[in-house]
């Protein structure tokens, strides 16, 4: 099973996620050690396809304090490891106006760091309000169902 390292909850609030892709991340040793300590933030992270090469931008991995001689840049561009067909799908999806490639979550899978990239379409303010109303309605329905079940002794 995969263990989450970091989640980007802001992405789910600001975008309609149309499709999801799993990608490996090319990291340095000090970055992996820093990630193991939990010193990572992907709230502003996004992906871009530059000259056929997918890269991760604005992912903040803090320097590993116990590193001896070589340190990494916290917000450097990191290469994403994807199949050619997936790269082509991401490139065509990001070419559509209003679509973006946002980082959704960073997690461990079989001892390797993976990132979930989502093809997102930006939400407008009315969409966000509608989502909040739906969430509040669902919470009320769940409360009523729980109250009914308690009353019935279920």
N, C-alpha and C. Protein backbone atom coordinates (compact mmCIF):
# COMPACT_ATOMS: atom_id res chain seq x y z
N UNK A 1 0.85 -1.19 0.00
CA UNK A 1 0.00 0.00 0.00
C UNK A 1 0.88 1.23 0.00
N UNK A 2 0.35 2.33 -0.45
CA UNK A 2 1.13 3.56 -0.52
C UNK A 2 0.88 4.43 0.70
N UNK A 3 1.93 5.07 1.14
CA UNK A 3 1.85 5.95 2.30
C UNK A 3 2.01 7.39 1.82
N UNK A 4 1.05 8.23 2.14
CA UNK A 4 1.12 9.63 1.70
C UNK A 4 2.22 10.37 2.44
N UNK A 5 2.95 11.18 1.69
CA UNK A 5 3.98 12.05 2.25
C UNK A 5 3.41 13.45 2.40
N UNK A 6 2.80 13.94 1.31
CA UNK A 6 2.22 15.28 1.31
C UNK A 6 1.02 15.31 0.38
N UNK A 7 0.02 16.09 0.75
CA UNK A 7 -1.19 16.28 -0.07
C UNK A 7 -1.34 17.74 -0.43
N UNK A 8 -1.94 17.98 -1.58
CA UNK A 8 -2.22 19.34 -2.02
C UNK A 8 -3.74 19.54 -1.99
N UNK A 9 -4.25 19.88 -0.81
CA UNK A 9 -5.70 20.06 -0.66
C UNK A 9 -6.19 21.29 -1.41
N UNK A 10 -5.32 22.27 -1.59
CA UNK A 10 -5.69 23.48 -2.29
C UNK A 10 -6.02 23.20 -3.76
N UNK A 11 -5.36 22.20 -4.34
CA UNK A 11 -5.62 21.85 -5.74
C UNK A 11 -7.05 21.35 -5.92
N UNK A 12 -7.53 20.54 -4.98
CA UNK A 12 -8.88 20.02 -5.09
C UNK A 12 -9.93 21.12 -4.89
N UNK A 13 -9.55 22.17 -4.17
CA UNK A 13 -10.47 23.29 -3.97
C UNK A 13 -10.51 24.19 -5.20
N UNK A 14 -9.38 24.36 -5.86
CA UNK A 14 -9.28 25.34 -6.94
C UNK A 14 -9.47 24.76 -8.34
N UNK A 15 -9.46 23.42 -8.48
CA UNK A 15 -9.53 22.81 -9.81
C UNK A 15 -10.54 21.67 -9.83
N UNK A 16 -11.17 21.49 -10.98
CA UNK A 16 -11.92 20.27 -11.29
C UNK A 16 -10.87 19.32 -11.85
N UNK A 17 -10.63 18.20 -11.19
CA UNK A 17 -9.62 17.26 -11.66
C UNK A 17 -10.26 16.34 -12.70
N UNK A 18 -9.76 16.41 -13.93
CA UNK A 18 -10.33 15.65 -15.03
C UNK A 18 -9.68 14.28 -15.20
N UNK A 19 -8.37 14.19 -14.93
CA UNK A 19 -7.64 12.95 -15.11
C UNK A 19 -6.46 12.93 -14.16
N UNK A 20 -6.00 11.74 -13.79
CA UNK A 20 -4.89 11.60 -12.84
C UNK A 20 -3.83 10.69 -13.44
N UNK A 21 -2.56 11.02 -13.19
CA UNK A 21 -1.43 10.23 -13.65
C UNK A 21 -0.45 10.03 -12.50
N UNK A 22 0.18 8.86 -12.47
CA UNK A 22 1.22 8.58 -11.49
C UNK A 22 2.57 8.72 -12.18
N UNK A 23 3.48 9.46 -11.53
CA UNK A 23 4.81 9.67 -12.11
C UNK A 23 5.87 9.46 -11.05
N UNK A 24 7.01 8.95 -11.47
CA UNK A 24 8.16 8.89 -10.60
C UNK A 24 8.84 10.25 -10.60
N UNK A 25 9.65 10.50 -9.58
CA UNK A 25 10.35 11.78 -9.47
C UNK A 25 11.84 11.48 -9.36
N UNK A 26 12.66 12.12 -10.22
CA UNK A 26 14.10 11.97 -10.16
C UNK A 26 14.62 12.87 -9.04
N UNK A 27 15.15 12.27 -7.98
CA UNK A 27 15.58 13.02 -6.80
C UNK A 27 17.05 12.74 -6.49
N UNK A 28 17.65 13.67 -5.75
CA UNK A 28 18.99 13.46 -5.22
C UNK A 28 18.86 12.77 -3.86
N UNK A 29 19.96 12.22 -3.37
CA UNK A 29 19.94 11.50 -2.10
C UNK A 29 19.52 12.36 -0.93
N UNK A 30 20.00 13.62 -0.90
CA UNK A 30 19.63 14.50 0.22
C UNK A 30 18.15 14.85 0.17
N UNK A 31 17.58 14.88 -1.02
CA UNK A 31 16.14 15.16 -1.14
C UNK A 31 15.32 14.01 -0.58
N UNK A 32 15.73 12.78 -0.85
CA UNK A 32 15.01 11.62 -0.34
C UNK A 32 15.06 11.60 1.19
N UNK A 33 16.23 11.89 1.74
CA UNK A 33 16.36 11.90 3.20
C UNK A 33 15.50 13.00 3.82
N UNK A 34 15.45 14.14 3.17
CA UNK A 34 14.62 15.24 3.66
C UNK A 34 13.13 14.87 3.57
N UNK A 35 12.74 14.19 2.49
CA UNK A 35 11.35 13.75 2.34
C UNK A 35 11.00 12.75 3.43
N UNK A 36 11.91 11.85 3.76
CA UNK A 36 11.67 10.87 4.83
C UNK A 36 11.39 11.55 6.16
N UNK A 37 12.01 12.73 6.37
CA UNK A 37 11.77 13.49 7.59
C UNK A 37 10.48 14.32 7.50
N UNK A 38 9.87 14.39 6.31
CA UNK A 38 8.62 15.12 6.14
C UNK A 38 8.80 16.59 5.83
N UNK A 39 9.98 16.99 5.37
CA UNK A 39 10.24 18.40 5.07
C UNK A 39 9.96 18.69 3.60
N UNK A 40 8.70 18.54 3.22
CA UNK A 40 8.30 18.75 1.83
C UNK A 40 6.94 19.45 1.79
N UNK A 41 6.76 20.31 0.77
CA UNK A 41 5.51 21.04 0.60
C UNK A 41 5.21 21.10 -0.90
N UNK A 42 4.04 20.61 -1.30
CA UNK A 42 3.67 20.62 -2.72
C UNK A 42 2.43 21.49 -2.98
N UNK A 43 2.13 22.41 -2.09
CA UNK A 43 0.92 23.23 -2.25
C UNK A 43 0.96 24.10 -3.50
N UNK A 44 2.13 24.55 -3.93
CA UNK A 44 2.23 25.39 -5.12
C UNK A 44 2.78 24.63 -6.32
N UNK A 45 2.97 23.33 -6.19
CA UNK A 45 3.64 22.55 -7.21
C UNK A 45 2.75 22.30 -8.43
N UNK A 46 3.39 22.32 -9.59
CA UNK A 46 2.71 22.03 -10.84
C UNK A 46 3.71 21.37 -11.79
N UNK A 47 3.20 20.74 -12.83
CA UNK A 47 4.04 20.08 -13.83
C UNK A 47 3.95 20.85 -15.14
N UNK A 48 4.97 20.69 -15.93
CA UNK A 48 5.01 21.34 -17.24
C UNK A 48 5.78 20.41 -18.18
N UNK A 49 5.38 20.40 -19.44
CA UNK A 49 6.08 19.63 -20.46
C UNK A 49 6.91 20.61 -21.27
N UNK A 50 8.24 20.59 -21.09
CA UNK A 50 9.16 21.47 -21.82
C UNK A 50 10.01 20.63 -22.76
N UNK A 51 9.87 20.86 -24.05
CA UNK A 51 10.63 20.14 -25.08
C UNK A 51 10.51 18.63 -24.94
N UNK A 52 9.30 18.15 -24.68
CA UNK A 52 9.04 16.73 -24.57
C UNK A 52 9.46 16.11 -23.25
N UNK A 53 9.94 16.91 -22.32
CA UNK A 53 10.41 16.41 -21.02
C UNK A 53 9.51 16.95 -19.91
N UNK A 54 8.84 16.07 -19.15
CA UNK A 54 8.00 16.55 -18.05
C UNK A 54 8.84 16.94 -16.83
N UNK A 55 8.54 18.09 -16.27
CA UNK A 55 9.26 18.57 -15.08
C UNK A 55 8.27 19.04 -14.03
N UNK A 56 8.69 18.91 -12.78
CA UNK A 56 7.90 19.36 -11.63
C UNK A 56 8.48 20.68 -11.16
N UNK A 57 7.63 21.69 -11.03
CA UNK A 57 8.06 23.03 -10.63
C UNK A 57 7.46 23.39 -9.27
N UNK A 58 8.15 24.21 -8.51
CA UNK A 58 7.70 24.80 -7.24
C UNK A 58 7.43 23.79 -6.13
N UNK A 59 7.95 22.57 -6.25
CA UNK A 59 7.86 21.62 -5.14
C UNK A 59 8.97 21.98 -4.17
N UNK A 60 8.62 22.24 -2.93
CA UNK A 60 9.58 22.73 -1.94
C UNK A 60 10.05 21.57 -1.05
N UNK A 61 11.28 21.12 -1.29
CA UNK A 61 11.89 20.08 -0.46
C UNK A 61 13.04 20.76 0.27
N UNK A 62 12.90 20.93 1.56
CA UNK A 62 13.89 21.65 2.36
C UNK A 62 15.22 20.89 2.40
N UNK A 63 16.33 21.61 2.52
CA UNK A 63 17.64 20.95 2.57
C UNK A 63 17.76 20.01 3.77
N UNK A 64 18.52 18.95 3.58
CA UNK A 64 18.77 17.97 4.63
C UNK A 64 19.91 18.50 5.50
N UNK A 65 19.62 18.76 6.77
CA UNK A 65 20.59 19.45 7.63
C UNK A 65 21.83 18.61 7.93
N UNK A 66 21.74 17.30 7.88
CA UNK A 66 22.89 16.47 8.23
C UNK A 66 23.75 16.10 7.01
N UNK A 67 23.47 16.71 5.86
CA UNK A 67 24.26 16.42 4.66
C UNK A 67 25.68 16.93 4.84
N UNK A 68 26.65 16.16 4.37
CA UNK A 68 28.04 16.51 4.62
C UNK A 68 28.58 17.57 3.67
N UNK A 69 28.54 17.34 2.38
CA UNK A 69 29.19 18.29 1.48
C UNK A 69 28.32 18.76 0.32
N UNK A 70 27.34 18.01 -0.07
CA UNK A 70 26.51 18.41 -1.21
C UNK A 70 25.08 18.65 -0.75
N UNK A 71 24.54 19.78 -1.10
CA UNK A 71 23.18 20.15 -0.72
C UNK A 71 22.37 20.43 -1.99
N UNK A 72 21.07 20.33 -1.93
CA UNK A 72 20.22 20.58 -3.09
C UNK A 72 19.49 21.91 -2.93
N UNK A 73 19.04 22.44 -4.06
CA UNK A 73 18.21 23.65 -4.06
C UNK A 73 16.79 23.25 -3.65
N UNK A 74 16.16 23.98 -2.74
CA UNK A 74 14.82 23.59 -2.26
C UNK A 74 13.74 23.59 -3.34
N UNK A 75 13.76 24.55 -4.27
CA UNK A 75 12.69 24.65 -5.26
C UNK A 75 13.19 24.42 -6.69
N UNK A 76 14.16 23.53 -6.85
CA UNK A 76 14.68 23.28 -8.19
C UNK A 76 13.66 22.49 -9.02
N UNK A 77 13.83 22.53 -10.33
CA UNK A 77 12.97 21.74 -11.22
C UNK A 77 13.40 20.29 -11.12
N UNK A 78 12.43 19.39 -10.98
CA UNK A 78 12.72 17.97 -10.87
C UNK A 78 12.09 17.22 -12.04
N UNK A 79 12.84 16.31 -12.61
CA UNK A 79 12.37 15.55 -13.76
C UNK A 79 11.32 14.54 -13.32
N UNK A 80 10.26 14.41 -14.11
CA UNK A 80 9.23 13.42 -13.86
C UNK A 80 9.45 12.23 -14.78
N UNK A 81 9.24 11.04 -14.25
CA UNK A 81 9.49 9.81 -15.00
C UNK A 81 8.15 9.22 -15.43
N UNK A 82 7.88 9.32 -16.73
CA UNK A 82 6.62 8.85 -17.30
C UNK A 82 6.90 8.10 -18.60
N UNK A 83 5.94 7.29 -19.04
CA UNK A 83 6.03 6.65 -20.35
C UNK A 83 5.74 7.69 -21.43
N UNK A 84 6.20 7.42 -22.65
CA UNK A 84 6.01 8.36 -23.75
C UNK A 84 4.54 8.63 -24.03
N UNK A 85 3.71 7.59 -23.93
CA UNK A 85 2.28 7.77 -24.21
C UNK A 85 1.65 8.68 -23.14
N UNK A 86 2.09 8.53 -21.88
CA UNK A 86 1.57 9.39 -20.82
C UNK A 86 2.03 10.83 -21.01
N UNK A 87 3.27 11.01 -21.43
CA UNK A 87 3.79 12.36 -21.68
C UNK A 87 2.98 13.03 -22.78
N UNK A 88 2.67 12.27 -23.80
CA UNK A 88 1.88 12.83 -24.91
C UNK A 88 0.47 13.21 -24.45
N UNK A 89 -0.14 12.36 -23.62
CA UNK A 89 -1.48 12.68 -23.09
C UNK A 89 -1.44 13.95 -22.24
N UNK A 90 -0.42 14.06 -21.40
CA UNK A 90 -0.29 15.26 -20.56
C UNK A 90 -0.03 16.51 -21.41
N UNK A 91 0.81 16.36 -22.45
CA UNK A 91 1.11 17.50 -23.30
C UNK A 91 -0.14 17.99 -24.02
N UNK A 92 -0.94 17.06 -24.55
CA UNK A 92 -2.16 17.47 -25.25
C UNK A 92 -3.19 18.04 -24.28
N UNK A 93 -3.26 17.50 -23.07
CA UNK A 93 -4.23 18.01 -22.09
C UNK A 93 -3.85 19.40 -21.60
N UNK A 94 -2.56 19.65 -21.43
CA UNK A 94 -2.14 20.96 -20.94
C UNK A 94 -2.17 22.03 -22.03
N UNK A 95 -2.24 21.60 -23.30
CA UNK A 95 -2.30 22.57 -24.40
C UNK A 95 -3.67 23.24 -24.49
N UNK A 96 -4.69 22.62 -23.90
CA UNK A 96 -6.03 23.20 -23.90
C UNK A 96 -6.06 24.39 -22.95
N UNK A 97 -6.62 25.49 -23.42
CA UNK A 97 -6.66 26.70 -22.60
C UNK A 97 -7.51 26.48 -21.36
N UNK A 98 -7.00 26.91 -20.22
CA UNK A 98 -7.71 26.77 -18.95
C UNK A 98 -7.37 25.50 -18.20
N UNK A 99 -6.57 24.60 -18.80
CA UNK A 99 -6.17 23.37 -18.13
C UNK A 99 -4.76 23.50 -17.59
N UNK A 100 -4.51 22.89 -16.46
CA UNK A 100 -3.19 22.93 -15.84
C UNK A 100 -2.85 21.55 -15.31
N UNK A 101 -1.56 21.29 -15.15
CA UNK A 101 -1.08 20.04 -14.57
C UNK A 101 -0.66 20.34 -13.14
N UNK A 102 -1.47 19.92 -12.18
CA UNK A 102 -1.21 20.24 -10.78
C UNK A 102 -0.79 18.98 -10.02
N UNK A 103 0.09 19.17 -9.06
CA UNK A 103 0.53 18.07 -8.20
C UNK A 103 -0.54 17.86 -7.13
N UNK A 104 -1.04 16.63 -7.01
CA UNK A 104 -2.10 16.34 -6.06
C UNK A 104 -1.57 15.73 -4.77
N UNK A 105 -0.68 14.75 -4.88
CA UNK A 105 -0.13 14.14 -3.67
C UNK A 105 1.21 13.51 -3.98
N UNK A 106 2.04 13.44 -2.96
CA UNK A 106 3.35 12.81 -3.02
C UNK A 106 3.30 11.62 -2.08
N UNK A 107 3.75 10.45 -2.52
CA UNK A 107 3.61 9.25 -1.69
C UNK A 107 4.72 8.24 -2.00
N UNK A 108 4.87 7.27 -1.09
CA UNK A 108 5.81 6.16 -1.26
C UNK A 108 5.09 5.01 -1.94
N UNK A 109 5.79 4.36 -2.88
CA UNK A 109 5.26 3.15 -3.50
C UNK A 109 6.45 2.23 -3.75
N UNK A 110 6.46 1.11 -3.05
CA UNK A 110 7.57 0.15 -3.15
C UNK A 110 8.93 0.80 -2.90
N UNK A 111 8.99 1.68 -1.92
CA UNK A 111 10.26 2.31 -1.55
C UNK A 111 10.68 3.44 -2.46
N UNK A 112 9.84 3.85 -3.36
CA UNK A 112 10.17 4.94 -4.28
C UNK A 112 9.16 6.08 -4.11
N UNK A 113 9.62 7.29 -4.37
CA UNK A 113 8.75 8.46 -4.25
C UNK A 113 7.99 8.63 -5.56
N UNK A 114 6.68 8.68 -5.46
CA UNK A 114 5.81 8.89 -6.62
C UNK A 114 4.99 10.15 -6.38
N UNK A 115 4.56 10.76 -7.48
CA UNK A 115 3.70 11.93 -7.38
C UNK A 115 2.49 11.71 -8.27
N UNK A 116 1.34 12.13 -7.77
CA UNK A 116 0.11 12.05 -8.56
C UNK A 116 -0.13 13.41 -9.19
N UNK A 117 -0.15 13.42 -10.52
CA UNK A 117 -0.36 14.64 -11.29
C UNK A 117 -1.79 14.62 -11.81
N UNK A 118 -2.50 15.72 -11.63
CA UNK A 118 -3.87 15.82 -12.10
C UNK A 118 -4.00 16.85 -13.20
N UNK A 119 -4.80 16.54 -14.19
CA UNK A 119 -5.14 17.52 -15.21
C UNK A 119 -6.33 18.28 -14.66
N UNK A 120 -6.11 19.55 -14.34
CA UNK A 120 -7.16 20.32 -13.68
C UNK A 120 -7.66 21.46 -14.53
N UNK A 121 -8.95 21.72 -14.40
CA UNK A 121 -9.57 22.87 -15.04
C UNK A 121 -9.99 23.81 -13.91
N UNK A 122 -9.56 25.04 -13.98
CA UNK A 122 -9.80 25.99 -12.91
C UNK A 122 -11.27 26.19 -12.59
N UNK A 123 -11.57 26.27 -11.28
CA UNK A 123 -12.94 26.53 -10.84
C UNK A 123 -13.16 28.03 -10.73
N UNK A 124 -14.36 28.43 -10.99
CA UNK A 124 -14.76 29.82 -10.79
C UNK A 124 -15.38 29.95 -9.40
N UNK A 125 -15.57 31.16 -8.93
CA UNK A 125 -16.12 31.39 -7.60
C UNK A 125 -17.49 30.72 -7.40
N UNK A 126 -18.42 30.79 -8.38
CA UNK A 126 -19.71 30.11 -8.19
C UNK A 126 -19.55 28.59 -8.03
N UNK A 127 -18.58 28.01 -8.74
CA UNK A 127 -18.34 26.58 -8.60
C UNK A 127 -17.91 26.23 -7.18
N UNK A 128 -17.04 27.06 -6.62
CA UNK A 128 -16.54 26.82 -5.26
C UNK A 128 -17.68 26.93 -4.26
N UNK A 129 -18.57 27.92 -4.45
CA UNK A 129 -19.72 28.07 -3.54
C UNK A 129 -20.64 26.87 -3.66
N UNK A 130 -20.83 26.40 -4.87
CA UNK A 130 -21.69 25.23 -5.09
C UNK A 130 -21.11 24.00 -4.40
N UNK A 131 -19.79 23.83 -4.46
CA UNK A 131 -19.14 22.71 -3.78
C UNK A 131 -19.33 22.80 -2.27
N UNK A 132 -19.22 24.01 -1.72
CA UNK A 132 -19.41 24.19 -0.28
C UNK A 132 -20.84 23.86 0.14
N UNK A 133 -21.82 24.28 -0.68
CA UNK A 133 -23.22 23.97 -0.38
C UNK A 133 -23.46 22.46 -0.42
N UNK A 134 -22.92 21.79 -1.42
CA UNK A 134 -23.09 20.34 -1.54
C UNK A 134 -22.45 19.63 -0.34
N UNK A 135 -21.31 20.11 0.08
CA UNK A 135 -20.62 19.51 1.23
C UNK A 135 -21.45 19.68 2.51
N UNK A 136 -22.02 20.89 2.70
CA UNK A 136 -22.85 21.15 3.88
C UNK A 136 -24.11 20.29 3.84
N UNK A 137 -24.73 20.16 2.68
CA UNK A 137 -25.93 19.32 2.56
C UNK A 137 -25.62 17.86 2.86
N UNK A 138 -24.51 17.36 2.37
CA UNK A 138 -24.12 15.98 2.63
C UNK A 138 -23.88 15.76 4.12
N UNK A 139 -23.26 16.73 4.78
CA UNK A 139 -23.01 16.62 6.22
C UNK A 139 -24.33 16.55 6.98
N UNK A 140 -25.31 17.37 6.60
CA UNK A 140 -26.62 17.36 7.25
C UNK A 140 -27.34 16.03 7.04
N UNK A 141 -27.29 15.50 5.83
CA UNK A 141 -27.93 14.22 5.54
C UNK A 141 -27.28 13.12 6.36
N UNK A 142 -25.95 13.11 6.44
CA UNK A 142 -25.25 12.10 7.23
C UNK A 142 -25.62 12.19 8.70
N UNK A 143 -25.78 13.40 9.21
CA UNK A 143 -26.18 13.57 10.61
C UNK A 143 -27.58 13.01 10.85
N UNK A 144 -28.50 13.30 9.93
CA UNK A 144 -29.87 12.80 10.09
C UNK A 144 -29.92 11.28 10.00
N UNK A 145 -29.14 10.70 9.10
CA UNK A 145 -29.11 9.25 8.98
C UNK A 145 -28.55 8.64 10.25
N UNK A 146 -27.49 9.22 10.79
CA UNK A 146 -26.90 8.71 12.03
C UNK A 146 -27.88 8.84 13.19
N UNK A 147 -28.59 9.97 13.26
CA UNK A 147 -29.58 10.17 14.32
C UNK A 147 -30.70 9.15 14.21
N UNK A 148 -31.19 8.89 13.00
CA UNK A 148 -32.24 7.91 12.78
C UNK A 148 -31.77 6.51 13.18
N UNK A 149 -30.54 6.17 12.79
CA UNK A 149 -30.00 4.84 13.13
C UNK A 149 -29.83 4.68 14.64
N UNK A 150 -29.42 5.72 15.33
CA UNK A 150 -29.28 5.65 16.78
C UNK A 150 -30.65 5.45 17.44
N UNK A 151 -31.64 6.16 16.91
CA UNK A 151 -33.00 6.06 17.45
C UNK A 151 -33.56 4.67 17.26
N UNK A 152 -33.26 4.05 16.11
CA UNK A 152 -33.78 2.72 15.81
C UNK A 152 -32.95 1.62 16.47
N UNK A 153 -31.80 1.98 17.05
CA UNK A 153 -30.95 0.99 17.69
C UNK A 153 -30.14 0.16 16.74
N UNK A 154 -29.86 0.73 15.58
CA UNK A 154 -29.08 -0.01 14.57
C UNK A 154 -27.60 0.22 14.76
